[in-house]
Amino acid sequence: MKKINLEEERKRLYDLCEYERKYGDREYICGIDEAGRGPFAGPVVAGAVILPKDIMIIGINDSKKLSPKKRDALYDEITKKAISYSVGIRDEKRVDEINILQATYEAMRDAVDSLKVRPDILLNDAVTIPDIDIEQVPITHGDALSISIAAASIIAKVTRDRMMQDYDKKYPEYGFAKHKGYGTKAHIEALRKYGPCPLHRRSFIHKYVED
């Protein structure tokens, strides 16, 4: 295992807190991110996290840059140290009913509404959430630029991955534990062989299976 240079890590974490410093006059800064907008199957999950001011969580980063083992460890640390965290979930049926973007917004609103404290500001990964009366700051590539959004990305990703691992036990022929519902070659081949299961988003897979 590569040893972490603490001086370099502190500098990286300082840079990762740029937006938290910018809005440091707000008591409760909440990061928002999602996991699962692109997969062929399963839910979209939104995470919301409020961290204590000036917190240091060694290794925290955009969830896509972390190994599953590291994400799991950080998930445990974030959930222990956060002032509040929550998730919102919309299943594949809702995705098909209202489209993935609107389902993502619903999941994000649920995540915010489920927090134990009301945020003073939302730092969002790239989006502005409709129908919410809290100040929002959409940040492109926010999960790499804000520690709060990075934390939310980990909460959302780990929650969704664990759900897909559980679904794999019910539908083992599709390989959900491995690809988490994304449109890999193996997943497409399984779709064509077995047809869709109840977890599949019909609006995402119509090119690969017959109605």
Protein backbone atom coordinates (compact mmCIF):
# COMPACT_ATOMS: atom_id res chain seq x y z
CA MET A 1 0.00 0.00 0.00
CA LYS A 2 1.33 3.41 -0.96
CA LYS A 3 2.16 5.54 2.08
CA ILE A 4 0.40 8.90 2.17
CA ASN A 5 2.57 12.01 2.35
CA LEU A 6 0.66 13.95 5.00
CA GLU A 7 2.00 17.34 3.93
CA GLU A 8 0.88 16.76 0.34
CA GLU A 9 -2.46 15.35 1.54
CA ARG A 10 -3.13 18.39 3.72
CA LYS A 11 -2.45 20.65 0.74
CA ARG A 12 -4.79 18.58 -1.45
CA LEU A 13 -7.51 18.71 1.18
CA TYR A 14 -7.03 22.46 1.56
CA ASP A 15 -7.59 22.83 -2.19
CA LEU A 16 -10.61 20.52 -1.97
CA CYS A 17 -12.20 22.89 0.55
CA GLU A 18 -12.12 25.97 -1.71
CA TYR A 19 -15.90 26.33 -1.87
CA GLU A 20 -16.32 25.55 1.81
CA ARG A 21 -13.98 28.46 2.56
CA LYS A 22 -15.76 30.70 0.06
CA TYR A 23 -19.08 30.15 1.84
CA GLY A 24 -17.56 29.79 5.30
CA ASP A 25 -19.97 32.30 6.81
CA ARG A 26 -22.77 29.72 6.43
CA GLU A 27 -23.20 27.38 9.38
CA TYR A 28 -24.43 24.31 7.52
CA ILE A 29 -22.89 23.73 4.10
CA CYS A 30 -24.38 20.71 2.33
CA GLY A 31 -22.82 18.82 -0.56
CA ILE A 32 -25.12 17.09 -3.06
CA ASP A 33 -24.22 14.44 -5.63
CA GLU A 34 -25.76 11.40 -7.29
CA ALA A 35 -24.83 7.93 -8.46
CA GLY A 36 -26.56 5.95 -11.16
CA ARG A 37 -27.69 8.34 -13.87
CA GLY A 38 -26.14 6.26 -16.64
CA PRO A 39 -26.82 2.58 -15.87
CA PHE A 40 -29.27 0.35 -17.74
CA ALA A 41 -30.71 -1.00 -14.49
CA GLY A 42 -31.41 -0.11 -10.90
CA PRO A 43 -32.11 3.13 -9.04
CA VAL A 44 -30.60 6.58 -9.12
CA VAL A 45 -29.31 7.54 -5.66
CA ALA A 46 -28.60 11.04 -4.38
CA GLY A 47 -26.40 11.78 -1.39
CA ALA A 48 -26.48 14.86 0.86
CA VAL A 49 -23.76 15.50 3.44
CA ILE A 50 -23.09 18.29 5.94
CA LEU A 51 -19.57 18.06 7.37
CA PRO A 52 -18.15 19.89 10.38
CA LYS A 53 -16.10 22.98 9.58
CA ASP A 54 -12.38 22.43 8.91
CA ILE A 55 -12.68 18.64 9.01
CA MET A 56 -9.84 16.52 7.66
CA ILE A 57 -10.76 13.14 6.18
CA ILE A 58 -7.59 11.62 4.79
CA GLY A 59 -8.05 10.22 1.28
CA ILE A 60 -11.47 11.69 0.56
CA ASN A 61 -11.95 12.38 -3.13
CA ASP A 62 -14.36 12.09 -6.03
CA SER A 63 -15.83 8.60 -5.58
CA LYS A 64 -14.91 7.67 -9.18
CA LYS A 65 -11.22 8.09 -8.32
CA LEU A 66 -11.36 5.66 -5.40
CA SER A 67 -11.23 1.88 -5.17
CA PRO A 68 -14.30 0.08 -3.80
CA LYS A 69 -12.37 -0.80 -0.64
CA LYS A 70 -11.35 2.82 -0.08
CA ARG A 71 -14.90 4.06 -0.77
CA ASP A 72 -16.26 1.66 1.84
CA ALA A 73 -13.74 2.84 4.44
CA LEU A 74 -14.48 6.50 3.70
CA TYR A 75 -18.22 5.84 3.79
CA ASP A 76 -17.84 4.58 7.36
CA GLU A 77 -15.73 7.59 8.36
CA ILE A 78 -18.07 10.12 6.71
CA THR A 79 -21.18 8.65 8.32
CA LYS A 80 -19.50 8.77 11.75
CA LYS A 81 -18.15 12.32 11.45
CA ALA A 82 -20.86 14.13 9.46
CA ILE A 83 -23.18 16.56 11.21
CA SER A 84 -25.89 14.99 9.05
CA TYR A 85 -26.09 12.82 5.95
CA SER A 86 -28.91 11.23 3.99
CA VAL A 87 -29.83 9.63 0.69
CA GLY A 88 -32.74 9.90 -1.71
CA ILE A 89 -33.62 7.04 -4.06
CA ARG A 90 -35.74 6.76 -7.18
CA ASP A 91 -36.19 3.33 -8.73
CA GLU A 92 -36.06 2.29 -12.36
CA LYS A 93 -39.84 2.55 -12.76
CA ARG A 94 -39.77 6.19 -11.75
CA VAL A 95 -36.83 6.80 -14.09
CA ASP A 96 -38.87 5.40 -16.98
CA GLU A 97 -41.94 7.36 -15.92
CA ILE A 98 -40.47 10.87 -15.69
CA ASN A 99 -36.93 10.51 -17.20
CA ILE A 100 -33.58 10.21 -15.46
CA LEU A 101 -32.97 13.92 -14.89
CA GLN A 102 -36.32 14.52 -13.19
CA ALA A 103 -35.91 11.32 -11.13
CA THR A 104 -32.47 12.57 -10.06
CA TYR A 105 -33.95 15.89 -8.96
CA GLU A 106 -36.62 14.08 -6.93
CA ALA A 107 -33.96 11.94 -5.24
CA MET A 108 -31.90 15.05 -4.45
CA ARG A 109 -34.89 16.85 -2.93
CA ASP A 110 -35.62 13.78 -0.79
CA ALA A 111 -32.00 13.67 0.38
CA VAL A 112 -32.09 17.34 1.42
CA ASP A 113 -35.47 16.94 3.13
CA SER A 114 -34.20 13.94 5.11
CA LEU A 115 -31.27 15.75 6.72
CA LYS A 116 -31.47 16.27 10.48
CA VAL A 117 -30.62 19.95 10.12
CA ARG A 118 -31.64 22.42 7.42
CA PRO A 119 -28.70 23.46 5.21
CA ASP A 120 -27.89 27.14 4.76
CA ILE A 121 -26.49 26.49 1.29
CA LEU A 122 -26.25 23.58 -1.17
CA LEU A 123 -23.10 22.88 -3.14
CA ASN A 124 -24.29 20.73 -6.06
CA ASP A 125 -22.34 18.70 -8.56
CA ALA A 126 -23.13 20.64 -11.77
CA VAL A 127 -26.92 20.94 -11.40
CA THR A 128 -29.47 23.37 -9.99
CA ILE A 129 -32.29 21.47 -8.30
CA PRO A 130 -35.78 22.81 -9.13
CA ASP A 131 -38.42 23.50 -6.49
CA ILE A 132 -36.10 23.91 -3.53
CA ASP A 133 -35.94 27.08 -1.43
CA ILE A 134 -32.31 26.90 -0.28
CA GLU A 135 -29.49 28.82 -1.95
CA GLN A 136 -27.67 26.59 -4.43
CA VAL A 137 -24.26 26.72 -6.07
CA PRO A 138 -23.86 24.40 -9.08
CA ILE A 139 -20.18 23.45 -9.48
CA THR A 140 -18.91 21.71 -12.61
CA HIS A 141 -16.79 18.69 -11.56
CA GLY A 142 -17.84 19.58 -8.03
CA ASP A 143 -16.97 16.15 -6.64
CA ALA A 144 -13.29 16.98 -7.39
CA LEU A 145 -13.51 20.58 -6.11
CA SER A 146 -15.58 20.45 -2.90
CA ILE A 147 -15.05 18.16 0.08
CA SER A 148 -18.80 18.26 0.83
CA ILE A 149 -19.70 17.13 -2.70
CA ALA A 150 -16.95 14.49 -2.62
CA ALA A 151 -18.45 13.13 0.60
CA ALA A 152 -21.92 13.11 -0.95
CA SER A 153 -20.59 11.29 -4.01
CA ILE A 154 -19.15 8.55 -1.79
CA ILE A 155 -22.37 8.17 0.21
CA ALA A 156 -24.43 7.93 -2.99
CA LYS A 157 -22.04 5.57 -4.78
CA VAL A 158 -21.56 3.14 -1.88
CA THR A 159 -25.30 3.06 -1.15
CA ARG A 160 -26.13 2.28 -4.77
CA ASP A 161 -23.35 -0.28 -5.21
CA ARG A 162 -24.53 -2.17 -2.15
CA MET A 163 -28.08 -2.20 -3.50
CA MET A 164 -26.86 -3.61 -6.83
CA GLN A 165 -24.84 -6.28 -5.02
CA ASP A 166 -28.01 -7.33 -3.21
CA TYR A 167 -29.97 -7.36 -6.49
CA ASP A 168 -27.30 -9.62 -7.98
CA LYS A 169 -28.41 -12.37 -5.58
CA LYS A 170 -31.92 -12.18 -7.00
CA TYR A 171 -30.90 -11.83 -10.66
CA PRO A 172 -27.44 -13.46 -10.86
CA GLU A 173 -27.55 -13.99 -14.62
CA TYR A 174 -26.98 -10.28 -15.33
CA GLY A 175 -23.80 -9.71 -13.30
CA PHE A 176 -25.09 -6.69 -11.36
CA ALA A 177 -22.50 -7.15 -8.59
CA LYS A 178 -19.72 -6.66 -11.11
CA HIS A 179 -20.95 -3.86 -13.40
CA LYS A 180 -23.60 -2.32 -11.09
CA GLY A 181 -26.11 -2.12 -13.95
CA TYR A 182 -23.96 -0.15 -16.39
CA GLY A 183 -24.09 -1.04 -20.06
CA THR A 184 -20.99 -3.21 -20.33
CA LYS A 185 -20.52 -5.71 -23.12
CA ALA A 186 -21.28 -8.57 -20.73
CA HIS A 187 -24.45 -6.85 -19.53
CA ILE A 188 -25.69 -6.26 -23.07
CA GLU A 189 -25.00 -9.88 -23.95
CA ALA A 190 -26.98 -11.01 -20.89
CA LEU A 191 -29.83 -8.70 -21.85
CA ARG A 192 -29.99 -10.22 -25.31
CA LYS A 193 -29.82 -13.75 -23.92
CA TYR A 194 -32.27 -13.47 -21.02
CA GLY A 195 -34.28 -10.36 -21.83
CA PRO A 196 -34.89 -7.61 -19.26
CA CYS A 197 -35.69 -8.17 -15.61
CA PRO A 198 -37.85 -5.87 -13.45
CA LEU A 199 -34.79 -3.79 -12.54
CA HIS A 200 -34.05 -2.72 -16.10
CA ARG A 201 -34.86 0.79 -17.28
CA ARG A 202 -36.93 0.23 -20.38
CA SER A 203 -36.15 3.74 -21.65
CA PHE A 204 -32.43 2.90 -21.56
CA ILE A 205 -32.39 -0.57 -23.12
CA HIS A 206 -34.87 -0.32 -26.01
CA LYS A 207 -32.02 -0.45 -28.53
CA TYR A 208 -30.88 -3.81 -27.21
CA VAL A 209 -34.07 -5.77 -26.61
CA GLU A 210 -37.34 -6.22 -28.46
CA ASP A 211 -40.51 -4.77 -26.96
